[in-house]
């Protein structure tokens, strides 16, 4: 199973600001099973949804 990146947010958001979490919550409100993961190489938070690999 893979994942599709919907949006990326820099990790340096102001204190108390969670733009990736807020975006993922809006996606979930619209039926997307969005989650937030950290990409350590790019120092960014990614909002992702699972994808199914077709065999």
PDB file of N, CA and C in Angstrom:
ATOM      1  N   UNK A   1       0.828  -1.178   0.000  1.00  0.00           N
ATOM      2  CA  UNK A   1       0.000   0.000   0.000  1.00  0.00           C
ATOM      3  C   UNK A   1       0.875   1.245   0.000  1.00  0.00           C
ATOM      4  N   UNK A   2       0.541   2.219  -0.831  1.00  0.00           N
ATOM      5  CA  UNK A   2       1.303   3.445  -0.916  1.00  0.00           C
ATOM      6  C   UNK A   2       0.521   4.615  -0.347  1.00  0.00           C
ATOM      7  N   UNK A   3       1.037   5.798  -0.593  1.00  0.00           N
ATOM      8  CA  UNK A   3       0.368   7.005  -0.121  1.00  0.00           C
ATOM      9  C   UNK A   3       0.542   8.109  -1.150  1.00  0.00           C
ATOM     10  N   UNK A   4      -0.469   8.948  -1.266  1.00  0.00           N
ATOM     11  CA  UNK A   4      -0.441  10.095  -2.163  1.00  0.00           C
ATOM     12  C   UNK A   4      -0.321  11.350  -1.309  1.00  0.00           C
ATOM     13  N   UNK A   5       0.615  12.222  -1.644  1.00  0.00           N
ATOM     14  CA  UNK A   5       0.804  13.474  -0.924  1.00  0.00           C
ATOM     15  C   UNK A   5      -0.184  14.499  -1.463  1.00  0.00           C
ATOM     16  N   UNK A   6      -1.035  15.020  -0.582  1.00  0.00           N
ATOM     17  CA  UNK A   6      -1.989  16.050  -0.976  1.00  0.00           C
ATOM     18  C   UNK A   6      -1.407  17.449  -0.852  1.00  0.00           C
ATOM     19  N   UNK A   7      -0.603  17.651   0.195  1.00  0.00           N
ATOM     20  CA  UNK A   7      -0.057  18.977   0.466  1.00  0.00           C
ATOM     21  C   UNK A   7       1.166  18.842   1.349  1.00  0.00           C
ATOM     22  N   UNK A   8       2.082  19.794   1.278  1.00  0.00           N
ATOM     23  CA  UNK A   8       3.246  19.817   2.173  1.00  0.00           C
ATOM     24  C   UNK A   8       3.343  21.182   2.838  1.00  0.00           C
ATOM     25  N   UNK A   9       3.776  21.156   4.096  1.00  0.00           N
ATOM     26  CA  UNK A   9       3.881  22.365   4.904  1.00  0.00           C
ATOM     27  C   UNK A   9       5.248  22.401   5.566  1.00  0.00           C
ATOM     28  N   UNK A  10       5.933  23.540   5.568  1.00  0.00           N
ATOM     29  CA  UNK A  10       7.238  23.625   6.230  1.00  0.00           C
ATOM     30  C   UNK A  10       7.087  23.387   7.733  1.00  0.00           C
ATOM     31  N   UNK A  11       8.095  22.772   8.320  1.00  0.00           N
ATOM     32  CA  UNK A  11       8.044  22.442   9.745  1.00  0.00           C
ATOM     33  C   UNK A  11       8.207  23.675  10.618  1.00  0.00           C
ATOM     34  N   UNK A  12       8.618  24.782  10.088  1.00  0.00           N
ATOM     35  CA  UNK A  12       8.881  25.975  10.884  1.00  0.00           C
ATOM     36  C   UNK A  12       7.694  26.889  11.070  1.00  0.00           C
ATOM     37  N   UNK A  13       6.496  26.356  11.210  1.00  0.00           N
ATOM     38  CA  UNK A  13       5.317  27.197  11.424  1.00  0.00           C
ATOM     39  C   UNK A  13       5.418  27.904  12.776  1.00  0.00           C
ATOM     40  N   UNK A  14       4.775  29.053  12.907  1.00  0.00           N
ATOM     41  CA  UNK A  14       4.813  29.763  14.190  1.00  0.00           C
ATOM     42  C   UNK A  14       4.253  28.905  15.325  1.00  0.00           C
ATOM     43  N   UNK A  15       4.739  29.144  16.524  1.00  0.00           N
ATOM     44  CA  UNK A  15       4.286  28.398  17.695  1.00  0.00           C
ATOM     45  C   UNK A  15       2.769  28.498  17.829  1.00  0.00           C
ATOM     46  N   UNK A  16       2.138  27.343  18.063  1.00  0.00           N
ATOM     47  CA  UNK A  16       0.688  27.300  18.211  1.00  0.00           C
ATOM     48  C   UNK A  16      -0.046  27.170  16.894  1.00  0.00           C
ATOM     49  N   UNK A  17       0.680  27.158  15.781  1.00  0.00           N
ATOM     50  CA  UNK A  17       0.069  27.022  14.463  1.00  0.00           C
ATOM     51  C   UNK A  17       0.303  25.605  13.947  1.00  0.00           C
ATOM     52  N   UNK A  18      -0.747  24.957  13.518  1.00  0.00           N
ATOM     53  CA  UNK A  18      -0.666  23.581  13.018  1.00  0.00           C
ATOM     54  C   UNK A  18      -1.334  23.486  11.644  1.00  0.00           C
ATOM     55  N   UNK A  19      -0.778  24.140  10.611  1.00  0.00           N
ATOM     56  CA  UNK A  19      -1.451  24.173   9.312  1.00  0.00           C
ATOM     57  C   UNK A  19      -1.642  22.804   8.680  1.00  0.00           C
ATOM     58  N   UNK A  20      -0.708  21.891   8.844  1.00  0.00           N
ATOM     59  CA  UNK A  20      -0.859  20.556   8.253  1.00  0.00           C
ATOM     60  C   UNK A  20      -2.000  19.805   8.926  1.00  0.00           C
ATOM     61  N   UNK A  21      -2.081  19.871  10.246  1.00  0.00           N
ATOM     62  CA  UNK A  21      -3.158  19.204  10.971  1.00  0.00           C
ATOM     63  C   UNK A  21      -4.516  19.810  10.620  1.00  0.00           C
ATOM     64  N   UNK A  22      -4.569  21.124  10.480  1.00  0.00           N
ATOM     65  CA  UNK A  22      -5.820  21.786  10.128  1.00  0.00           C
ATOM     66  C   UNK A  22      -6.267  21.398   8.716  1.00  0.00           C
ATOM     67  N   UNK A  23      -5.319  21.323   7.785  1.00  0.00           N
ATOM     68  CA  UNK A  23      -5.636  20.913   6.415  1.00  0.00           C
ATOM     69  C   UNK A  23      -6.131  19.469   6.391  1.00  0.00           C
ATOM     70  N   UNK A  24      -5.450  18.594   7.119  1.00  0.00           N
ATOM     71  CA  UNK A  24      -5.864  17.188   7.172  1.00  0.00           C
ATOM     72  C   UNK A  24      -7.255  17.058   7.780  1.00  0.00           C
ATOM     73  N   UNK A  25      -7.562  17.849   8.796  1.00  0.00           N
ATOM     74  CA  UNK A  25      -8.892  17.806   9.413  1.00  0.00           C
ATOM     75  C   UNK A  25      -9.964  18.222   8.409  1.00  0.00           C
ATOM     76  N   UNK A  26      -9.679  19.243   7.608  1.00  0.00           N
ATOM     77  CA  UNK A  26     -10.651  19.656   6.577  1.00  0.00           C
ATOM     78  C   UNK A  26     -10.845  18.548   5.550  1.00  0.00           C
ATOM     79  N   UNK A  27      -9.757  17.871   5.179  1.00  0.00           N
ATOM     80  CA  UNK A  27      -9.866  16.749   4.235  1.00  0.00           C
ATOM     81  C   UNK A  27     -10.722  15.637   4.827  1.00  0.00           C
ATOM     82  N   UNK A  28     -10.492  15.325   6.102  1.00  0.00           N
ATOM     83  CA  UNK A  28     -11.289  14.281   6.755  1.00  0.00           C
ATOM     84  C   UNK A  28     -12.759  14.676   6.824  1.00  0.00           C
ATOM     85  N   UNK A  29     -13.033  15.962   7.019  1.00  0.00           N
ATOM     86  CA  UNK A  29     -14.420  16.441   7.034  1.00  0.00           C
ATOM     87  C   UNK A  29     -15.109  16.198   5.694  1.00  0.00           C
ATOM     88  N   UNK A  30     -14.315  16.141   4.620  1.00  0.00           N
ATOM     89  CA  UNK A  30     -14.848  15.893   3.278  1.00  0.00           C
ATOM     90  C   UNK A  30     -14.714  14.432   2.859  1.00  0.00           C
ATOM     91  N   UNK A  31     -14.429  13.550   3.802  1.00  0.00           N
ATOM     92  CA  UNK A  31     -14.406  12.120   3.514  1.00  0.00           C
ATOM     93  C   UNK A  31     -13.069  11.530   3.110  1.00  0.00           C
ATOM     94  N   UNK A  32     -12.007  12.330   3.056  1.00  0.00           N
ATOM     95  CA  UNK A  32     -10.670  11.821   2.720  1.00  0.00           C
ATOM     96  C   UNK A  32     -10.001  11.312   3.993  1.00  0.00           C
ATOM     97  N   UNK A  33      -9.427  10.117   3.978  1.00  0.00           N
ATOM     98  CA  UNK A  33      -8.750   9.591   5.174  1.00  0.00           C
ATOM     99  C   UNK A  33      -7.337  10.159   5.326  1.00  0.00           C
ATOM    100  N   UNK A  34      -7.227  11.469   5.431  1.00  0.00           N
ATOM    101  CA  UNK A  34      -5.931  12.156   5.445  1.00  0.00           C
ATOM    102  C   UNK A  34      -5.243  12.040   6.806  1.00  0.00           C
ATOM    103  N   UNK A  35      -3.924  11.885   6.748  1.00  0.00           N
ATOM    104  CA  UNK A  35      -3.099  11.889   7.951  1.00  0.00           C
ATOM    105  C   UNK A  35      -1.877  12.772   7.691  1.00  0.00           C
ATOM    106  N   UNK A  36      -1.197  13.138   8.761  1.00  0.00           N
ATOM    107  CA  UNK A  36      -0.008  13.973   8.655  1.00  0.00           C
ATOM    108  C   UNK A  36       1.207  13.142   9.030  1.00  0.00           C
ATOM    109  N   UNK A  37       2.234  13.222   8.197  1.00  0.00           N
ATOM    110  CA  UNK A  37       3.506  12.546   8.473  1.00  0.00           C
ATOM    111  C   UNK A  37       4.626  13.568   8.329  1.00  0.00           C
ATOM    112  N   UNK A  38       5.745  13.282   8.977  1.00  0.00           N
ATOM    113  CA  UNK A  38       6.909  14.170   8.906  1.00  0.00           C
ATOM    114  C   UNK A  38       7.913  13.610   7.909  1.00  0.00           C
ATOM    115  N   UNK A  39       8.343  14.441   6.977  1.00  0.00           N
ATOM    116  CA  UNK A  39       9.415  14.085   6.057  1.00  0.00           C
ATOM    117  C   UNK A  39      10.689  14.718   6.599  1.00  0.00           C
ATOM    118  N   UNK A  40      11.523  13.916   7.231  1.00  0.00           N
ATOM    119  CA  UNK A  40      12.717  14.437   7.888  1.00  0.00           C
ATOM    120  C   UNK A  40      13.722  15.019   6.904  1.00  0.00           C
ATOM    121  N   UNK A  41      13.830  14.424   5.709  1.00  0.00           N
ATOM    122  CA  UNK A  41      14.801  14.918   4.721  1.00  0.00           C
ATOM    123  C   UNK A  41      14.497  16.343   4.291  1.00  0.00           C
ATOM    124  N   UNK A  42      13.217  16.644   4.073  1.00  0.00           N
ATOM    125  CA  UNK A  42      12.860  17.993   3.609  1.00  0.00           C
ATOM    126  C   UNK A  42      12.399  18.897   4.746  1.00  0.00           C
ATOM    127  N   UNK A  43      12.364  18.384   5.976  1.00  0.00           N
ATOM    128  CA  UNK A  43      11.926  19.142   7.148  1.00  0.00           C
ATOM    129  C   UNK A  43      10.545  19.740   6.904  1.00  0.00           C
ATOM    130  N   UNK A  44       9.614  18.875   6.489  1.00  0.00           N
ATOM    131  CA  UNK A  44       8.253  19.325   6.185  1.00  0.00           C
ATOM    132  C   UNK A  44       7.243  18.289   6.672  1.00  0.00           C
ATOM    133  N   UNK A  45       6.045  18.787   6.946  1.00  0.00           N
ATOM    134  CA  UNK A  45       4.931  17.906   7.265  1.00  0.00           C
ATOM    135  C   UNK A  45       4.162  17.645   5.978  1.00  0.00           C
ATOM    136  N   UNK A  46       3.829  16.389   5.722  1.00  0.00           N
ATOM    137  CA  UNK A  46       3.087  16.006   4.535  1.00  0.00           C
ATOM    138  C   UNK A  46       1.699  15.533   4.933  1.00  0.00           C
ATOM    139  N   UNK A  47       0.692  15.976   4.208  1.00  0.00           N
ATOM    140  CA  UNK A  47      -0.661  15.464   4.387  1.00  0.00           C
ATOM    141  C   UNK A  47      -0.839  14.399   3.312  1.00  0.00           C
ATOM    142  N   UNK A  48      -1.095  13.170   3.747  1.00  0.00           N
ATOM    143  CA  UNK A  48      -1.162  12.047   2.808  1.00  0.00           C
ATOM    144  C   UNK A  48      -2.467  11.281   2.967  1.00  0.00           C
ATOM    145  N   UNK A  49      -2.852  10.609   1.873  1.00  0.00           N
ATOM    146  CA  UNK A  49      -3.972   9.674   1.882  1.00  0.00           C
ATOM    147  C   UNK A  49      -3.466   8.356   1.340  1.00  0.00           C
ATOM    148  N   UNK A  50      -3.968   7.241   1.858  1.00  0.00           N
ATOM    149  CA  UNK A  50      -3.513   5.940   1.358  1.00  0.00           C
ATOM    150  C   UNK A  50      -4.005   5.686  -0.073  1.00  0.00           C
ATOM    151  N   UNK A  51      -3.181   4.978  -0.837  1.00  0.00           N
ATOM    152  CA  UNK A  51      -3.576   4.535  -2.165  1.00  0.00           C
ATOM    153  C   UNK A  51      -3.401   3.034  -2.228  1.00  0.00           C
ATOM    154  N   UNK A  52      -4.167   2.419  -3.067  1.00  0.00           N
ATOM    155  CA  UNK A  52      -4.050   0.970  -3.230  1.00  0.00           C
ATOM    156  C   UNK A  52      -3.252   0.695  -4.496  1.00  0.00           C
ATOM    157  N   UNK A  53      -2.286  -0.189  -4.348  1.00  0.00           N
ATOM    158  CA  UNK A  53      -1.497  -0.617  -5.494  1.00  0.00           C
ATOM    159  C   UNK A  53      -2.310  -1.650  -6.259  1.00  0.00           C
ATOM    160  N   UNK A  54      -2.552  -1.380  -7.528  1.00  0.00           N
ATOM    161  CA  UNK A  54      -3.296  -2.314  -8.385  1.00  0.00           C
ATOM    162  C   UNK A  54      -2.337  -3.364  -8.923  1.00  0.00           C
ATOM    163  N   UNK A  55      -2.642  -4.624  -8.723  1.00  0.00           N
ATOM    164  CA  UNK A  55      -1.798  -5.712  -9.242  1.00  0.00           C
ATOM    165  C   UNK A  55      -2.285  -6.184 -10.580  1.00  0.00           C
TER     166      UNK A  55
END
